[in-house]
Amino acid sequence: MYPIRCIIVDIAGTVIDPEYPNVVAVTPEKSKSHIGKHGLAELEDGWTVKITLDDGNIIYGYECWWIPEEELENEWNT
């Protein structure tokens, strides 16, 4: 799966688990300025996801919500 092209997304207010509809996602403050940016997600140390954005910034998977680029492409094609 890794490395994989990805996009930083904003999912604030999205229900994370349908069994708990009152629990919603929050977009981390650190990632807000990067929403919509594309980058390369790579696995480091066996579990940490490092995302090198196309603009050179680096953000880690635990600091943001992200999806593979292909997921966004699939949404546009359905």
C-alpha atoms as a PDB file:
ATOM      1  CA  MET A   1       0.000   0.000   0.000  1.00  0.00           C
ATOM      2  CA  TYR A   2       2.771   2.482   0.824  1.00  0.00           C
ATOM      3  CA  PRO A   3       4.031   4.750  -0.552  1.00  0.00           C
ATOM      4  CA  ILE A   4       0.750   6.195  -1.777  1.00  0.00           C
ATOM      5  CA  ARG A   5      -0.375   9.548  -3.149  1.00  0.00           C
ATOM      6  CA  CYS A   6      -2.842  11.246  -0.815  1.00  0.00           C
ATOM      7  CA  ILE A   7      -4.914  14.345  -0.089  1.00  0.00           C
ATOM      8  CA  ILE A   8      -5.350  16.072   3.264  1.00  0.00           C
ATOM      9  CA  VAL A   9      -9.083  16.334   3.996  1.00  0.00           C
ATOM     10  CA  ASP A  10     -11.413  18.080   6.431  1.00  0.00           C
ATOM     11  CA  ILE A  11     -13.935  15.716   7.982  1.00  0.00           C
ATOM     12  CA  ALA A  12     -14.984  17.872  10.920  1.00  0.00           C
ATOM     13  CA  GLY A  13     -18.448  16.903  12.081  1.00  0.00           C
ATOM     14  CA  THR A  14     -18.471  13.548  10.277  1.00  0.00           C
ATOM     15  CA  VAL A  15     -19.777  10.602  12.297  1.00  0.00           C
ATOM     16  CA  ILE A  16     -16.870   8.210  12.791  1.00  0.00           C
ATOM     17  CA  ASP A  17     -18.838   5.113  13.812  1.00  0.00           C
ATOM     18  CA  PRO A  18     -22.560   4.682  13.022  1.00  0.00           C
ATOM     19  CA  GLU A  19     -23.015   2.813  16.312  1.00  0.00           C
ATOM     20  CA  TYR A  20     -22.043   6.020  18.120  1.00  0.00           C
ATOM     21  CA  PRO A  21     -23.721   8.808  16.135  1.00  0.00           C
ATOM     22  CA  ASN A  22     -22.882  11.447  18.749  1.00  0.00           C
ATOM     23  CA  VAL A  23     -19.129  10.923  18.281  1.00  0.00           C
ATOM     24  CA  VAL A  24     -17.920  13.089  15.425  1.00  0.00           C
ATOM     25  CA  ALA A  25     -14.515  13.792  13.918  1.00  0.00           C
ATOM     26  CA  VAL A  26     -12.513  16.922  14.616  1.00  0.00           C
ATOM     27  CA  THR A  27      -9.944  18.306  12.198  1.00  0.00           C
ATOM     28  CA  PRO A  28      -6.638  18.862  14.015  1.00  0.00           C
ATOM     29  CA  GLU A  29      -5.553  22.505  14.108  1.00  0.00           C
ATOM     30  CA  LYS A  30      -2.118  21.614  12.663  1.00  0.00           C
ATOM     31  CA  SER A  31      -3.658  20.263   9.455  1.00  0.00           C
ATOM     32  CA  LYS A  32      -6.223  22.990   8.726  1.00  0.00           C
ATOM     33  CA  SER A  33      -3.844  25.053   6.593  1.00  0.00           C
ATOM     34  CA  HIS A  34      -3.033  21.945   4.521  1.00  0.00           C
ATOM     35  CA  ILE A  35      -6.602  20.837   3.657  1.00  0.00           C
ATOM     36  CA  GLY A  36      -6.846  20.020  -0.037  1.00  0.00           C
ATOM     37  CA  LYS A  37      -3.099  19.632  -0.516  1.00  0.00           C
ATOM     38  CA  HIS A  38      -1.658  16.547  -2.176  1.00  0.00           C
ATOM     39  CA  GLY A  39       1.389  14.604  -1.101  1.00  0.00           C
ATOM     40  CA  LEU A  40       3.121  11.267  -0.705  1.00  0.00           C
ATOM     41  CA  ALA A  41       2.279   9.129   2.338  1.00  0.00           C
ATOM     42  CA  GLU A  42       5.052   6.760   3.429  1.00  0.00           C
ATOM     43  CA  LEU A  43       5.232   4.323   6.315  1.00  0.00           C
ATOM     44  CA  GLU A  44       8.056   4.970   8.795  1.00  0.00           C
ATOM     45  CA  ASP A  45       9.120   2.787  11.722  1.00  0.00           C
ATOM     46  CA  GLY A  46       6.469   0.233  10.784  1.00  0.00           C
ATOM     47  CA  TRP A  47       3.516   2.329  11.966  1.00  0.00           C
ATOM     48  CA  THR A  48       4.048   6.103  11.583  1.00  0.00           C
ATOM     49  CA  VAL A  49       2.700   7.643   8.376  1.00  0.00           C
ATOM     50  CA  LYS A  50       4.815  10.544   7.128  1.00  0.00           C
ATOM     51  CA  ILE A  51       3.204  12.726   4.476  1.00  0.00           C
ATOM     52  CA  THR A  52       5.480  14.888   2.354  1.00  0.00           C
ATOM     53  CA  LEU A  53       3.213  17.432   0.728  1.00  0.00           C
ATOM     54  CA  ASP A  54       3.869  18.610  -2.811  1.00  0.00           C
ATOM     55  CA  ASP A  55       4.735  22.071  -1.419  1.00  0.00           C
ATOM     56  CA  GLY A  56       7.528  20.540   0.696  1.00  0.00           C
ATOM     57  CA  ASN A  57       5.771  20.618   4.067  1.00  0.00           C
ATOM     58  CA  ILE A  58       5.778  17.444   6.144  1.00  0.00           C
ATOM     59  CA  ILE A  59       2.810  16.373   8.250  1.00  0.00           C
ATOM     60  CA  TYR A  60       2.235  13.085  10.023  1.00  0.00           C
ATOM     61  CA  GLY A  61      -0.824  10.870   9.757  1.00  0.00           C
ATOM     62  CA  TYR A  62      -1.706  11.362  13.426  1.00  0.00           C
ATOM     63  CA  GLU A  63      -1.817  15.143  12.830  1.00  0.00           C
ATOM     64  CA  CYS A  64      -4.408  15.057  10.068  1.00  0.00           C
ATOM     65  CA  TRP A  65      -7.123  13.187   8.198  1.00  0.00           C
ATOM     66  CA  TRP A  66      -6.123  12.012   4.756  1.00  0.00           C
ATOM     67  CA  ILE A  67      -7.392   9.807   1.961  1.00  0.00           C
ATOM     68  CA  PRO A  68      -5.647   8.147  -0.986  1.00  0.00           C
ATOM     69  CA  GLU A  69      -5.963  10.226  -4.175  1.00  0.00           C
ATOM     70  CA  GLU A  70      -7.690   7.273  -5.848  1.00  0.00           C
ATOM     71  CA  GLU A  71     -10.590   7.547  -3.366  1.00  0.00           C
ATOM     72  CA  LEU A  72     -11.275  11.098  -4.516  1.00  0.00           C
ATOM     73  CA  GLU A  73     -10.980  10.037  -8.157  1.00  0.00           C
ATOM     74  CA  ASN A  74     -13.499   7.226  -7.522  1.00  0.00           C
ATOM     75  CA  GLU A  75     -15.964   9.720  -5.991  1.00  0.00           C
ATOM     76  CA  TRP A  76     -15.800  11.837  -9.159  1.00  0.00           C
ATOM     77  CA  ASN A  77     -16.318   8.797 -11.397  1.00  0.00           C
ATOM     78  CA  THR A  78     -19.429   7.456  -9.645  1.00  0.00           C
END
